[in-house]
N, C-alpha and C. Protein backbone atom coordinates (compact mmCIF):
# COMPACT_ATOMS: atom_id res chain seq x y z
N MET A 1 -10.77 14.54 13.05
CA MET A 1 -10.12 13.26 12.75
C MET A 1 -8.82 13.12 13.53
N GLN A 2 -8.91 13.48 14.79
CA GLN A 2 -7.72 13.50 15.63
C GLN A 2 -7.14 12.11 15.86
N LEU A 3 -8.01 11.11 15.89
CA LEU A 3 -7.54 9.74 16.10
C LEU A 3 -6.57 9.33 14.99
N LEU A 4 -6.92 9.67 13.76
CA LEU A 4 -6.07 9.33 12.62
C LEU A 4 -4.79 10.16 12.63
N ARG A 5 -4.93 11.44 12.96
CA ARG A 5 -3.75 12.30 13.05
C ARG A 5 -2.74 11.74 14.05
N THR A 6 -3.24 11.33 15.21
CA THR A 6 -2.37 10.83 16.27
C THR A 6 -1.65 9.56 15.82
N LEU A 7 -2.37 8.66 15.16
CA LEU A 7 -1.76 7.41 14.68
C LEU A 7 -0.63 7.70 13.71
N ILE A 8 -0.86 8.60 12.77
CA ILE A 8 0.17 8.95 11.79
C ILE A 8 1.37 9.59 12.49
N SER A 9 1.09 10.45 13.45
CA SER A 9 2.16 11.13 14.18
C SER A 9 3.01 10.15 14.98
N GLN A 10 2.38 9.13 15.55
CA GLN A 10 3.09 8.14 16.36
C GLN A 10 4.09 7.33 15.53
N HIS A 11 3.85 7.22 14.23
CA HIS A 11 4.73 6.43 13.37
C HIS A 11 5.49 7.31 12.38
N ASN A 12 5.60 8.58 12.71
CA ASN A 12 6.20 9.54 11.79
C ASN A 12 7.69 9.27 11.56
N GLU A 13 8.37 8.74 12.58
CA GLU A 13 9.81 8.53 12.45
C GLU A 13 10.13 7.51 11.36
N LYS A 14 9.34 6.44 11.27
CA LYS A 14 9.58 5.39 10.29
C LYS A 14 8.83 5.63 8.99
N TYR A 15 7.65 6.24 9.11
CA TYR A 15 6.79 6.43 7.94
C TYR A 15 6.46 7.91 7.77
N GLU A 16 7.49 8.70 7.60
CA GLU A 16 7.32 10.15 7.52
C GLU A 16 6.44 10.56 6.35
N HIS A 17 6.47 9.78 5.25
CA HIS A 17 5.73 10.17 4.05
C HIS A 17 4.22 10.15 4.26
N PHE A 18 3.73 9.45 5.29
CA PHE A 18 2.30 9.43 5.53
C PHE A 18 1.79 10.77 6.08
N SER A 19 2.69 11.63 6.51
CA SER A 19 2.28 12.96 6.98
C SER A 19 1.69 13.78 5.83
N TYR A 20 1.96 13.34 4.59
CA TYR A 20 1.37 13.98 3.40
C TYR A 20 -0.15 14.02 3.50
N TYR A 21 -0.74 12.99 4.10
CA TYR A 21 -2.20 12.89 4.16
C TYR A 21 -2.82 13.83 5.19
N GLU A 22 -1.99 14.47 5.99
CA GLU A 22 -2.52 15.43 6.96
C GLU A 22 -3.18 16.61 6.24
N THR A 23 -2.67 16.95 5.06
CA THR A 23 -3.28 18.03 4.28
C THR A 23 -4.68 17.64 3.83
N VAL A 24 -4.86 16.39 3.39
CA VAL A 24 -6.18 15.91 2.97
C VAL A 24 -7.12 15.88 4.17
N ILE A 25 -6.61 15.44 5.32
CA ILE A 25 -7.42 15.41 6.54
C ILE A 25 -7.91 16.81 6.90
N GLU A 26 -7.02 17.78 6.75
CA GLU A 26 -7.38 19.16 7.06
C GLU A 26 -8.48 19.68 6.13
N ILE A 27 -8.41 19.31 4.85
CA ILE A 27 -9.44 19.73 3.88
C ILE A 27 -10.77 19.09 4.25
N ILE A 28 -10.75 17.84 4.66
CA ILE A 28 -11.98 17.15 5.07
C ILE A 28 -12.63 17.88 6.25
N GLU A 29 -11.82 18.19 7.24
CA GLU A 29 -12.35 18.83 8.45
C GLU A 29 -12.86 20.25 8.16
N GLN A 30 -12.17 20.97 7.32
CA GLN A 30 -12.56 22.35 7.03
C GLN A 30 -13.86 22.45 6.25
N ASN A 31 -14.18 21.39 5.49
CA ASN A 31 -15.33 21.47 4.59
C ASN A 31 -16.53 20.64 5.02
N VAL A 32 -16.43 19.96 6.15
CA VAL A 32 -17.51 19.07 6.57
C VAL A 32 -18.83 19.82 6.75
N GLN A 33 -18.77 21.09 7.13
CA GLN A 33 -19.99 21.89 7.34
C GLN A 33 -20.29 22.79 6.15
N LYS A 34 -19.28 23.52 5.68
CA LYS A 34 -19.56 24.55 4.67
C LYS A 34 -19.59 24.02 3.23
N GLN A 35 -18.83 22.95 2.94
CA GLN A 35 -18.80 22.38 1.59
C GLN A 35 -18.84 20.84 1.71
N PRO A 36 -19.99 20.26 2.05
CA PRO A 36 -20.08 18.83 2.31
C PRO A 36 -19.57 17.95 1.18
N ASP A 37 -19.82 18.33 -0.08
CA ASP A 37 -19.40 17.47 -1.18
C ASP A 37 -17.89 17.49 -1.39
N ILE A 38 -17.25 18.61 -1.07
CA ILE A 38 -15.79 18.65 -1.10
C ILE A 38 -15.23 17.75 0.00
N CYS A 39 -15.88 17.75 1.14
CA CYS A 39 -15.50 16.88 2.25
C CYS A 39 -15.57 15.42 1.82
N ILE A 40 -16.69 15.02 1.22
CA ILE A 40 -16.90 13.63 0.80
C ILE A 40 -15.90 13.23 -0.28
N GLU A 41 -15.68 14.14 -1.22
CA GLU A 41 -14.72 13.88 -2.30
C GLU A 41 -13.31 13.67 -1.73
N SER A 42 -12.96 14.45 -0.72
CA SER A 42 -11.65 14.33 -0.09
C SER A 42 -11.53 13.04 0.70
N CYS A 43 -12.66 12.58 1.27
CA CYS A 43 -12.65 11.30 1.99
C CYS A 43 -12.32 10.16 1.03
N LYS A 44 -12.92 10.21 -0.15
CA LYS A 44 -12.63 9.21 -1.17
C LYS A 44 -11.16 9.26 -1.56
N SER A 45 -10.62 10.45 -1.73
CA SER A 45 -9.22 10.61 -2.12
C SER A 45 -8.28 10.09 -1.04
N LEU A 46 -8.66 10.27 0.22
CA LEU A 46 -7.82 9.81 1.33
C LEU A 46 -7.71 8.29 1.32
N ILE A 47 -8.84 7.59 1.20
CA ILE A 47 -8.83 6.14 1.16
C ILE A 47 -8.06 5.64 -0.07
N GLU A 48 -8.27 6.31 -1.19
CA GLU A 48 -7.60 5.92 -2.42
C GLU A 48 -6.08 6.06 -2.30
N GLY A 49 -5.65 7.18 -1.75
CA GLY A 49 -4.22 7.43 -1.60
C GLY A 49 -3.55 6.46 -0.63
N ILE A 50 -4.20 6.21 0.49
CA ILE A 50 -3.65 5.28 1.47
C ILE A 50 -3.55 3.87 0.88
N SER A 51 -4.58 3.47 0.13
CA SER A 51 -4.57 2.15 -0.50
C SER A 51 -3.39 2.02 -1.47
N LYS A 52 -3.17 3.05 -2.28
CA LYS A 52 -2.06 3.02 -3.24
C LYS A 52 -0.71 2.92 -2.52
N THR A 53 -0.54 3.68 -1.45
CA THR A 53 0.73 3.69 -0.74
C THR A 53 1.00 2.34 -0.09
N ILE A 54 -0.04 1.73 0.48
CA ILE A 54 0.11 0.40 1.08
C ILE A 54 0.50 -0.63 0.02
N LEU A 55 -0.18 -0.59 -1.13
CA LEU A 55 0.11 -1.54 -2.19
C LEU A 55 1.53 -1.35 -2.74
N LEU A 56 1.94 -0.11 -2.90
CA LEU A 56 3.27 0.16 -3.44
C LEU A 56 4.35 -0.34 -2.49
N THR A 57 4.03 -0.39 -1.20
CA THR A 57 4.98 -0.86 -0.19
C THR A 57 5.00 -2.38 -0.06
N LEU A 58 3.83 -2.99 -0.03
CA LEU A 58 3.74 -4.42 0.25
C LEU A 58 3.75 -5.31 -0.98
N ASP A 59 3.28 -4.80 -2.10
CA ASP A 59 3.18 -5.61 -3.32
C ASP A 59 4.37 -5.29 -4.22
N ARG A 60 5.34 -6.21 -4.32
CA ARG A 60 6.53 -5.96 -5.10
C ARG A 60 6.25 -5.80 -6.59
N GLY A 61 5.10 -6.29 -7.04
CA GLY A 61 4.76 -6.17 -8.45
C GLY A 61 4.02 -4.90 -8.80
N ALA A 62 3.66 -4.11 -7.79
CA ALA A 62 2.89 -2.88 -8.02
C ALA A 62 3.79 -1.74 -8.49
N THR A 63 3.26 -0.93 -9.40
CA THR A 63 3.96 0.27 -9.85
C THR A 63 2.99 1.45 -9.78
N ARG A 64 3.52 2.64 -9.77
CA ARG A 64 2.65 3.82 -9.73
C ARG A 64 1.71 3.84 -10.94
N GLN A 65 2.24 3.46 -12.08
CA GLN A 65 1.43 3.47 -13.30
C GLN A 65 0.28 2.48 -13.22
N SER A 66 0.57 1.27 -12.75
CA SER A 66 -0.49 0.25 -12.65
C SER A 66 -1.53 0.63 -11.61
N LEU A 67 -1.11 1.24 -10.52
CA LEU A 67 -2.05 1.63 -9.46
C LEU A 67 -2.94 2.79 -9.92
N ASN A 68 -2.38 3.72 -10.66
CA ASN A 68 -3.15 4.86 -11.14
C ASN A 68 -4.22 4.46 -12.15
N ALA A 69 -4.09 3.27 -12.72
CA ALA A 69 -5.06 2.80 -13.72
C ALA A 69 -6.27 2.11 -13.08
N LYS A 70 -6.26 1.94 -11.76
CA LYS A 70 -7.34 1.22 -11.08
C LYS A 70 -8.26 2.18 -10.35
N ASP A 71 -9.53 1.75 -10.16
CA ASP A 71 -10.46 2.60 -9.42
C ASP A 71 -10.33 2.35 -7.93
N VAL A 72 -10.96 3.21 -7.14
CA VAL A 72 -10.76 3.19 -5.69
C VAL A 72 -11.26 1.89 -5.06
N LYS A 73 -12.35 1.33 -5.58
CA LYS A 73 -12.87 0.09 -5.01
C LYS A 73 -11.87 -1.04 -5.18
N GLU A 74 -11.27 -1.14 -6.36
CA GLU A 74 -10.28 -2.19 -6.63
C GLU A 74 -9.03 -1.98 -5.79
N LEU A 75 -8.58 -0.74 -5.69
CA LEU A 75 -7.40 -0.42 -4.89
C LEU A 75 -7.61 -0.77 -3.43
N PHE A 76 -8.77 -0.41 -2.91
CA PHE A 76 -9.10 -0.67 -1.51
C PHE A 76 -9.12 -2.16 -1.23
N ARG A 77 -9.79 -2.91 -2.09
CA ARG A 77 -9.89 -4.36 -1.90
C ARG A 77 -8.51 -5.01 -1.96
N GLU A 78 -7.70 -4.61 -2.92
CA GLU A 78 -6.37 -5.19 -3.06
C GLU A 78 -5.47 -4.82 -1.88
N ALA A 79 -5.60 -3.60 -1.40
CA ALA A 79 -4.79 -3.16 -0.25
C ALA A 79 -5.11 -3.97 0.99
N LEU A 80 -6.40 -4.21 1.23
CA LEU A 80 -6.79 -4.99 2.40
C LEU A 80 -6.37 -6.45 2.24
N ASN A 81 -6.50 -6.99 1.04
CA ASN A 81 -6.06 -8.37 0.82
C ASN A 81 -4.56 -8.50 1.04
N GLU A 82 -3.82 -7.50 0.59
CA GLU A 82 -2.36 -7.52 0.78
C GLU A 82 -2.01 -7.41 2.26
N LEU A 83 -2.76 -6.58 2.98
CA LEU A 83 -2.56 -6.49 4.43
C LEU A 83 -2.84 -7.83 5.09
N GLY A 84 -3.88 -8.51 4.61
CA GLY A 84 -4.23 -9.81 5.17
C GLY A 84 -3.14 -10.84 4.96
N ARG A 85 -2.40 -10.72 3.86
CA ARG A 85 -1.31 -11.65 3.57
C ARG A 85 -0.15 -11.46 4.52
N HIS A 86 0.06 -10.22 4.96
CA HIS A 86 1.24 -9.89 5.77
C HIS A 86 0.92 -9.72 7.25
N ASN A 87 -0.34 -9.61 7.60
CA ASN A 87 -0.71 -9.40 9.01
C ASN A 87 -1.82 -10.38 9.38
N PRO A 88 -1.53 -11.41 10.17
CA PRO A 88 -2.52 -12.43 10.52
C PRO A 88 -3.67 -11.91 11.37
N THR A 89 -3.52 -10.71 11.95
CA THR A 89 -4.60 -10.16 12.78
C THR A 89 -5.65 -9.44 11.95
N MET A 90 -5.41 -9.31 10.66
CA MET A 90 -6.34 -8.60 9.78
C MET A 90 -7.67 -9.34 9.70
N GLU A 91 -8.76 -8.63 9.87
CA GLU A 91 -10.10 -9.21 9.78
C GLU A 91 -10.50 -9.31 8.31
N VAL A 92 -10.41 -10.52 7.75
CA VAL A 92 -10.69 -10.72 6.33
C VAL A 92 -12.12 -10.34 5.98
N GLU A 93 -13.06 -10.60 6.86
CA GLU A 93 -14.46 -10.29 6.60
C GLU A 93 -14.67 -8.79 6.40
N PHE A 94 -13.78 -8.00 6.99
CA PHE A 94 -13.86 -6.55 6.86
C PHE A 94 -13.74 -6.13 5.39
N VAL A 95 -12.95 -6.88 4.63
CA VAL A 95 -12.76 -6.57 3.22
C VAL A 95 -14.09 -6.57 2.49
N ARG A 96 -14.84 -7.65 2.66
CA ARG A 96 -16.10 -7.79 1.94
C ARG A 96 -17.12 -6.76 2.39
N ARG A 97 -17.18 -6.50 3.67
CA ARG A 97 -18.17 -5.58 4.21
C ARG A 97 -17.88 -4.12 3.86
N ALA A 98 -16.62 -3.73 3.92
CA ALA A 98 -16.27 -2.31 3.77
C ALA A 98 -16.16 -1.86 2.32
N THR A 99 -16.00 -2.78 1.40
CA THR A 99 -15.84 -2.40 -0.01
C THR A 99 -17.06 -1.65 -0.53
N GLY A 100 -18.24 -2.05 -0.07
CA GLY A 100 -19.46 -1.36 -0.49
C GLY A 100 -19.48 0.09 -0.07
N VAL A 101 -18.94 0.38 1.12
CA VAL A 101 -18.88 1.76 1.60
C VAL A 101 -17.96 2.59 0.71
N ILE A 102 -16.84 2.00 0.32
CA ILE A 102 -15.89 2.72 -0.53
C ILE A 102 -16.49 2.97 -1.91
N GLN A 103 -17.26 2.01 -2.41
CA GLN A 103 -17.93 2.20 -3.70
C GLN A 103 -18.94 3.34 -3.62
N LEU A 104 -19.61 3.44 -2.48
CA LEU A 104 -20.56 4.53 -2.26
C LEU A 104 -19.84 5.88 -2.32
N LEU A 105 -18.68 5.98 -1.69
CA LEU A 105 -17.90 7.22 -1.74
C LEU A 105 -17.54 7.58 -3.17
N ALA A 106 -17.14 6.57 -3.94
CA ALA A 106 -16.78 6.81 -5.34
C ALA A 106 -17.98 7.29 -6.15
N ASP A 107 -19.14 6.69 -5.92
CA ASP A 107 -20.35 7.08 -6.64
C ASP A 107 -20.78 8.50 -6.29
N LEU A 108 -20.70 8.83 -5.00
CA LEU A 108 -21.08 10.18 -4.56
C LEU A 108 -20.13 11.22 -5.14
N ARG A 109 -18.86 10.87 -5.17
CA ARG A 109 -17.87 11.79 -5.73
C ARG A 109 -18.15 12.06 -7.20
N THR A 110 -18.56 11.01 -7.94
CA THR A 110 -18.86 11.18 -9.36
C THR A 110 -20.11 12.04 -9.57
N LYS A 111 -21.14 11.83 -8.74
CA LYS A 111 -22.41 12.52 -8.92
C LYS A 111 -22.40 13.93 -8.34
N ARG A 112 -21.68 14.12 -7.22
CA ARG A 112 -21.79 15.38 -6.51
C ARG A 112 -20.47 16.13 -6.31
N GLY A 113 -19.35 15.49 -6.63
CA GLY A 113 -18.05 16.11 -6.38
C GLY A 113 -17.90 17.45 -7.07
N ASP A 114 -17.31 18.41 -6.38
CA ASP A 114 -17.16 19.76 -6.91
C ASP A 114 -15.81 20.01 -7.56
N ILE A 115 -14.83 19.13 -7.32
CA ILE A 115 -13.47 19.41 -7.77
C ILE A 115 -13.10 18.61 -9.02
N SER A 116 -13.15 17.27 -8.92
CA SER A 116 -12.66 16.42 -10.01
C SER A 116 -13.57 16.40 -11.22
N HIS A 117 -14.87 16.59 -11.00
CA HIS A 117 -15.82 16.58 -12.12
C HIS A 117 -16.58 17.91 -12.14
N GLY A 118 -16.35 18.70 -13.17
CA GLY A 118 -17.03 19.99 -13.26
C GLY A 118 -18.54 19.82 -13.38
N LYS A 119 -19.27 20.64 -12.68
CA LYS A 119 -20.73 20.56 -12.67
C LYS A 119 -21.34 21.78 -13.36
N ILE A 120 -22.50 21.54 -14.00
CA ILE A 120 -23.26 22.64 -14.58
C ILE A 120 -23.94 23.41 -13.45
N ALA A 121 -23.85 24.72 -13.49
CA ALA A 121 -24.49 25.54 -12.46
C ALA A 121 -25.93 25.84 -12.85
N PRO A 122 -26.86 25.81 -11.90
CA PRO A 122 -26.65 25.38 -10.52
C PRO A 122 -26.58 23.86 -10.42
N LYS A 123 -25.84 23.36 -9.44
CA LYS A 123 -25.65 21.91 -9.27
C LYS A 123 -26.97 21.28 -8.85
N GLU A 124 -27.30 20.15 -9.46
CA GLU A 124 -28.59 19.50 -9.20
C GLU A 124 -28.63 18.79 -7.86
N LEU A 125 -27.55 18.13 -7.48
CA LEU A 125 -27.52 17.34 -6.25
C LEU A 125 -26.43 17.84 -5.32
N SER A 126 -26.77 18.01 -4.06
CA SER A 126 -25.80 18.43 -3.05
C SER A 126 -26.03 17.64 -1.77
N SER A 127 -24.95 17.34 -1.07
CA SER A 127 -25.06 16.60 0.18
C SER A 127 -25.28 17.54 1.35
N LEU A 128 -25.91 17.04 2.39
CA LEU A 128 -26.12 17.80 3.60
C LEU A 128 -24.93 17.64 4.55
N ALA A 129 -24.76 18.62 5.40
CA ALA A 129 -23.62 18.59 6.33
C ALA A 129 -23.70 17.40 7.28
N GLN A 130 -24.92 17.01 7.68
CA GLN A 130 -25.06 15.87 8.58
C GLN A 130 -24.51 14.60 7.94
N PHE A 131 -24.75 14.46 6.63
CA PHE A 131 -24.29 13.27 5.94
C PHE A 131 -22.78 13.29 5.75
N SER A 132 -22.23 14.45 5.40
CA SER A 132 -20.78 14.54 5.21
C SER A 132 -20.05 14.28 6.52
N LYS A 133 -20.66 14.64 7.64
CA LYS A 133 -20.06 14.36 8.94
C LYS A 133 -20.01 12.86 9.20
N LEU A 134 -21.09 12.16 8.81
CA LEU A 134 -21.13 10.71 8.94
C LEU A 134 -20.04 10.08 8.07
N VAL A 135 -19.92 10.55 6.83
CA VAL A 135 -18.90 10.02 5.91
C VAL A 135 -17.50 10.26 6.47
N MET A 136 -17.28 11.44 7.06
CA MET A 136 -15.98 11.76 7.64
C MET A 136 -15.61 10.77 8.74
N HIS A 137 -16.56 10.49 9.63
CA HIS A 137 -16.28 9.58 10.74
C HIS A 137 -16.07 8.15 10.24
N MET A 138 -16.83 7.73 9.24
CA MET A 138 -16.65 6.40 8.67
C MET A 138 -15.28 6.29 8.00
N THR A 139 -14.90 7.34 7.28
CA THR A 139 -13.61 7.35 6.61
C THR A 139 -12.47 7.26 7.61
N GLU A 140 -12.60 8.02 8.69
CA GLU A 140 -11.55 7.99 9.71
C GLU A 140 -11.41 6.59 10.30
N GLY A 141 -12.52 5.92 10.58
CA GLY A 141 -12.47 4.58 11.14
C GLY A 141 -11.80 3.59 10.20
N ILE A 142 -12.17 3.65 8.92
CA ILE A 142 -11.60 2.74 7.94
C ILE A 142 -10.10 3.02 7.74
N ALA A 143 -9.76 4.30 7.58
CA ALA A 143 -8.36 4.66 7.36
C ALA A 143 -7.51 4.31 8.58
N PHE A 144 -8.05 4.52 9.77
CA PHE A 144 -7.32 4.19 11.00
C PHE A 144 -7.02 2.69 11.05
N TYR A 145 -8.03 1.87 10.73
CA TYR A 145 -7.84 0.43 10.78
C TYR A 145 -6.80 -0.02 9.76
N MET A 146 -6.87 0.52 8.55
CA MET A 146 -5.90 0.16 7.52
C MET A 146 -4.47 0.50 7.95
N LEU A 147 -4.27 1.71 8.43
CA LEU A 147 -2.92 2.13 8.81
C LEU A 147 -2.44 1.42 10.07
N ASP A 148 -3.34 1.18 11.00
CA ASP A 148 -2.96 0.46 12.22
C ASP A 148 -2.46 -0.94 11.88
N GLN A 149 -3.14 -1.60 10.95
CA GLN A 149 -2.71 -2.93 10.50
C GLN A 149 -1.41 -2.85 9.69
N PHE A 150 -1.30 -1.82 8.88
CA PHE A 150 -0.09 -1.65 8.07
C PHE A 150 1.13 -1.39 8.93
N PHE A 151 1.01 -0.50 9.91
CA PHE A 151 2.15 -0.16 10.75
C PHE A 151 2.65 -1.36 11.56
N ALA A 152 1.80 -2.37 11.72
CA ALA A 152 2.18 -3.57 12.48
C ALA A 152 2.94 -4.58 11.62
N VAL A 153 3.01 -4.35 10.31
CA VAL A 153 3.67 -5.28 9.40
C VAL A 153 5.18 -5.04 9.39
N ASP A 154 5.94 -6.12 9.40
CA ASP A 154 7.39 -6.03 9.25
C ASP A 154 7.69 -5.89 7.76
N ILE A 155 8.11 -4.72 7.33
CA ILE A 155 8.32 -4.47 5.90
C ILE A 155 9.78 -4.58 5.49
N SER A 156 10.58 -5.25 6.32
CA SER A 156 11.99 -5.40 5.96
C SER A 156 12.15 -6.15 4.64
N PHE A 157 11.17 -7.04 4.33
CA PHE A 157 11.23 -7.80 3.09
C PHE A 157 11.11 -6.88 1.87
N ALA A 158 10.51 -5.71 2.06
CA ALA A 158 10.22 -4.82 0.94
C ALA A 158 11.32 -3.80 0.69
N GLU A 159 12.42 -3.90 1.44
CA GLU A 159 13.52 -2.98 1.22
C GLU A 159 14.09 -3.18 -0.19
N GLU A 160 14.52 -2.12 -0.79
CA GLU A 160 14.95 -2.17 -2.19
C GLU A 160 16.10 -3.14 -2.40
N VAL A 161 15.95 -4.00 -3.40
CA VAL A 161 16.99 -4.94 -3.79
C VAL A 161 17.70 -4.37 -5.01
N ARG A 162 19.00 -4.20 -4.92
CA ARG A 162 19.78 -3.64 -6.02
C ARG A 162 20.50 -4.78 -6.76
N TYR A 163 20.36 -4.79 -8.05
CA TYR A 163 20.95 -5.85 -8.88
C TYR A 163 22.46 -5.92 -8.70
N GLU A 164 23.10 -4.79 -8.69
CA GLU A 164 24.56 -4.75 -8.62
C GLU A 164 25.12 -5.19 -7.27
N ASP A 165 24.28 -5.30 -6.26
CA ASP A 165 24.74 -5.72 -4.94
C ASP A 165 24.80 -7.24 -4.78
N ASN A 166 24.38 -7.98 -5.82
CA ASN A 166 24.29 -9.43 -5.71
C ASN A 166 25.04 -10.12 -6.86
N GLU A 167 26.29 -9.75 -7.02
CA GLU A 167 27.10 -10.22 -8.15
C GLU A 167 27.25 -11.74 -8.16
N GLU A 168 27.54 -12.35 -7.01
CA GLU A 168 27.74 -13.80 -6.96
C GLU A 168 26.45 -14.54 -7.33
N PHE A 169 25.34 -14.09 -6.80
CA PHE A 169 24.05 -14.72 -7.11
C PHE A 169 23.72 -14.57 -8.59
N ASN A 170 23.99 -13.39 -9.15
CA ASN A 170 23.71 -13.15 -10.56
C ASN A 170 24.53 -14.09 -11.45
N GLU A 171 25.78 -14.32 -11.08
CA GLU A 171 26.64 -15.21 -11.85
C GLU A 171 26.12 -16.64 -11.82
N ILE A 172 25.60 -17.06 -10.65
CA ILE A 172 25.04 -18.40 -10.53
C ILE A 172 23.83 -18.56 -11.44
N LEU A 173 22.95 -17.56 -11.44
CA LEU A 173 21.77 -17.61 -12.32
C LEU A 173 22.18 -17.67 -13.79
N ASP A 174 23.18 -16.88 -14.16
CA ASP A 174 23.60 -16.83 -15.56
C ASP A 174 24.23 -18.16 -16.00
N ARG A 175 24.88 -18.86 -15.07
CA ARG A 175 25.45 -20.17 -15.40
C ARG A 175 24.36 -21.22 -15.52
N GLN A 176 23.30 -21.06 -14.73
CA GLN A 176 22.21 -22.04 -14.75
C GLN A 176 21.36 -21.91 -16.02
N VAL A 177 21.17 -20.69 -16.47
CA VAL A 177 20.32 -20.44 -17.65
C VAL A 177 21.12 -19.63 -18.66
N MET A 178 21.47 -20.27 -19.78
CA MET A 178 22.24 -19.61 -20.83
C MET A 178 21.28 -19.13 -21.92
N ILE A 179 21.29 -17.86 -22.21
CA ILE A 179 20.43 -17.31 -23.27
C ILE A 179 21.26 -16.46 -24.22
N GLY A 180 22.19 -17.13 -24.87
CA GLY A 180 23.04 -16.43 -25.83
C GLY A 180 23.95 -15.43 -25.14
N GLY A 181 24.02 -14.27 -25.71
CA GLY A 181 24.88 -13.24 -25.14
C GLY A 181 24.19 -12.38 -24.11
N LEU A 182 22.96 -12.75 -23.76
CA LEU A 182 22.19 -11.96 -22.80
C LEU A 182 22.40 -12.47 -21.38
N SER A 183 22.13 -11.60 -20.42
CA SER A 183 22.22 -11.96 -19.01
C SER A 183 20.84 -12.37 -18.51
N TYR A 184 20.70 -13.64 -18.15
CA TYR A 184 19.42 -14.12 -17.64
C TYR A 184 19.05 -13.44 -16.32
N SER A 185 20.04 -13.26 -15.46
CA SER A 185 19.78 -12.66 -14.16
C SER A 185 19.26 -11.24 -14.30
N LYS A 186 19.85 -10.48 -15.23
CA LYS A 186 19.41 -9.09 -15.43
C LYS A 186 18.01 -9.06 -16.04
N ALA A 187 17.76 -9.98 -16.97
CA ALA A 187 16.43 -10.03 -17.59
C ALA A 187 15.38 -10.39 -16.55
N LEU A 188 15.71 -11.32 -15.66
CA LEU A 188 14.77 -11.71 -14.60
C LEU A 188 14.55 -10.56 -13.64
N PHE A 189 15.61 -9.86 -13.28
CA PHE A 189 15.50 -8.72 -12.36
C PHE A 189 14.60 -7.64 -12.94
N ASP A 190 14.74 -7.35 -14.23
CA ASP A 190 13.99 -6.27 -14.87
C ASP A 190 12.55 -6.66 -15.19
N GLN A 191 12.33 -7.91 -15.58
CA GLN A 191 11.03 -8.30 -16.11
C GLN A 191 10.16 -9.05 -15.10
N ASP A 192 10.77 -9.69 -14.12
CA ASP A 192 10.00 -10.40 -13.08
C ASP A 192 10.73 -10.24 -11.77
N ASN A 193 10.68 -9.02 -11.22
CA ASN A 193 11.45 -8.69 -10.02
C ASN A 193 11.02 -9.53 -8.82
N VAL A 194 9.75 -9.89 -8.76
CA VAL A 194 9.26 -10.71 -7.64
C VAL A 194 9.96 -12.06 -7.64
N ALA A 195 10.02 -12.72 -8.81
CA ALA A 195 10.68 -14.03 -8.92
C ALA A 195 12.17 -13.90 -8.60
N TYR A 196 12.81 -12.83 -9.06
CA TYR A 196 14.23 -12.60 -8.78
C TYR A 196 14.46 -12.52 -7.28
N CYS A 197 13.64 -11.73 -6.60
CA CYS A 197 13.80 -11.53 -5.15
C CYS A 197 13.53 -12.81 -4.38
N GLU A 198 12.56 -13.59 -4.83
CA GLU A 198 12.26 -14.86 -4.15
C GLU A 198 13.43 -15.83 -4.27
N GLN A 199 14.03 -15.92 -5.47
CA GLN A 199 15.19 -16.80 -5.66
C GLN A 199 16.40 -16.29 -4.89
N LEU A 200 16.55 -14.98 -4.83
CA LEU A 200 17.64 -14.39 -4.06
C LEU A 200 17.50 -14.72 -2.58
N LEU A 201 16.27 -14.64 -2.07
CA LEU A 201 16.02 -14.96 -0.67
C LEU A 201 16.34 -16.42 -0.38
N ASP A 202 15.93 -17.32 -1.29
CA ASP A 202 16.25 -18.75 -1.12
C ASP A 202 17.76 -18.96 -1.10
N TYR A 203 18.45 -18.29 -1.99
CA TYR A 203 19.92 -18.40 -2.08
C TYR A 203 20.56 -17.91 -0.78
N GLN A 204 20.12 -16.77 -0.27
CA GLN A 204 20.69 -16.22 0.95
C GLN A 204 20.40 -17.12 2.15
N THR A 205 19.20 -17.69 2.18
CA THR A 205 18.84 -18.60 3.27
C THR A 205 19.72 -19.85 3.27
N GLU A 206 19.93 -20.42 2.08
CA GLU A 206 20.78 -21.62 1.96
C GLU A 206 22.21 -21.30 2.39
N ARG A 207 22.70 -20.15 2.03
CA ARG A 207 24.07 -19.76 2.42
C ARG A 207 24.19 -19.63 3.93
N GLU A 208 23.17 -19.04 4.55
CA GLU A 208 23.19 -18.89 6.01
C GLU A 208 23.16 -20.25 6.70
N GLU A 209 22.37 -21.19 6.15
CA GLU A 209 22.28 -22.52 6.74
C GLU A 209 23.61 -23.26 6.62
N VAL A 210 24.27 -23.14 5.47
CA VAL A 210 25.57 -23.77 5.28
C VAL A 210 26.60 -23.18 6.23
N LEU A 211 26.55 -21.87 6.38
CA LEU A 211 27.49 -21.19 7.27
C LEU A 211 27.29 -21.65 8.72
N GLU A 212 26.04 -21.78 9.13
CA GLU A 212 25.74 -22.24 10.49
C GLU A 212 26.23 -23.67 10.72
N GLU A 213 26.06 -24.54 9.71
CA GLU A 213 26.52 -25.92 9.83
C GLU A 213 28.05 -25.99 9.92
N THR A 214 28.71 -25.14 9.16
CA THR A 214 30.17 -25.10 9.17
C THR A 214 30.69 -24.66 10.53
N ILE A 215 30.07 -23.65 11.09
CA ILE A 215 30.46 -23.15 12.40
C ILE A 215 30.23 -24.22 13.45
N PHE A 216 29.12 -24.94 13.36
CA PHE A 216 28.77 -25.99 14.31
C PHE A 216 29.82 -27.12 14.24
N GLU A 217 30.22 -27.51 13.02
CA GLU A 217 31.21 -28.57 12.85
C GLU A 217 32.55 -28.15 13.39
N ASP A 218 32.93 -26.91 13.18
CA ASP A 218 34.20 -26.41 13.70
C ASP A 218 34.22 -26.43 15.22
N ASP A 219 33.09 -26.05 15.83
CA ASP A 219 33.00 -26.06 17.30
C ASP A 219 33.06 -27.48 17.84
N SER A 220 32.52 -28.43 17.09
CA SER A 220 32.51 -29.82 17.54
C SER A 220 33.89 -30.43 17.54
N ASP A 221 34.77 -29.93 16.65
CA ASP A 221 36.13 -30.47 16.56
C ASP A 221 37.02 -29.98 17.68
N ILE A 222 36.56 -28.96 18.36
CA ILE A 222 37.42 -28.37 19.41
C ILE A 222 37.36 -29.26 20.66
């Protein structure tokens, strides 16, 4: 899976945490011949992990707890849809076509996986090395496409927003919405962070536009 390794390595400076998946890649490669079902199970885990990481980065409403409660098919579909929202080059049709492959990996892992689901000895069903090799190559292609599309996204919008860094904006929100002795801005930040960030962005944009107009008027008076 050298193609995937190279892609991750090329973006290591900005996305160092993706090097974590090199361990999973190594397990896949080591077991493709001698332990095919471990290889297939690891392929499923790789796609699942990458999907979660993409969602946690791009979807401001996603949390580790909510992502851990979803199955791999749902995670994969949501990750690709989220990529499609942020990257116009994303092939939307790929979502519908590839989801079935991911479901197959999940089903095989449930029926034949040696690690996550304990099996009665002797195991009734086992995969052949030829098939695990096919699964490995398919997994690499899918994972490569996902990460290639992800690395092309400008994620500056997803940088952490700290409540305490926006005192003036918070005061404006609290004056607009009075809820007794409570802080509306803090409640919005904690309970609907996406809405808070969207309103903050609108506020910052309006301030920049006013500042530009002021500078333009000052230059015109000279």
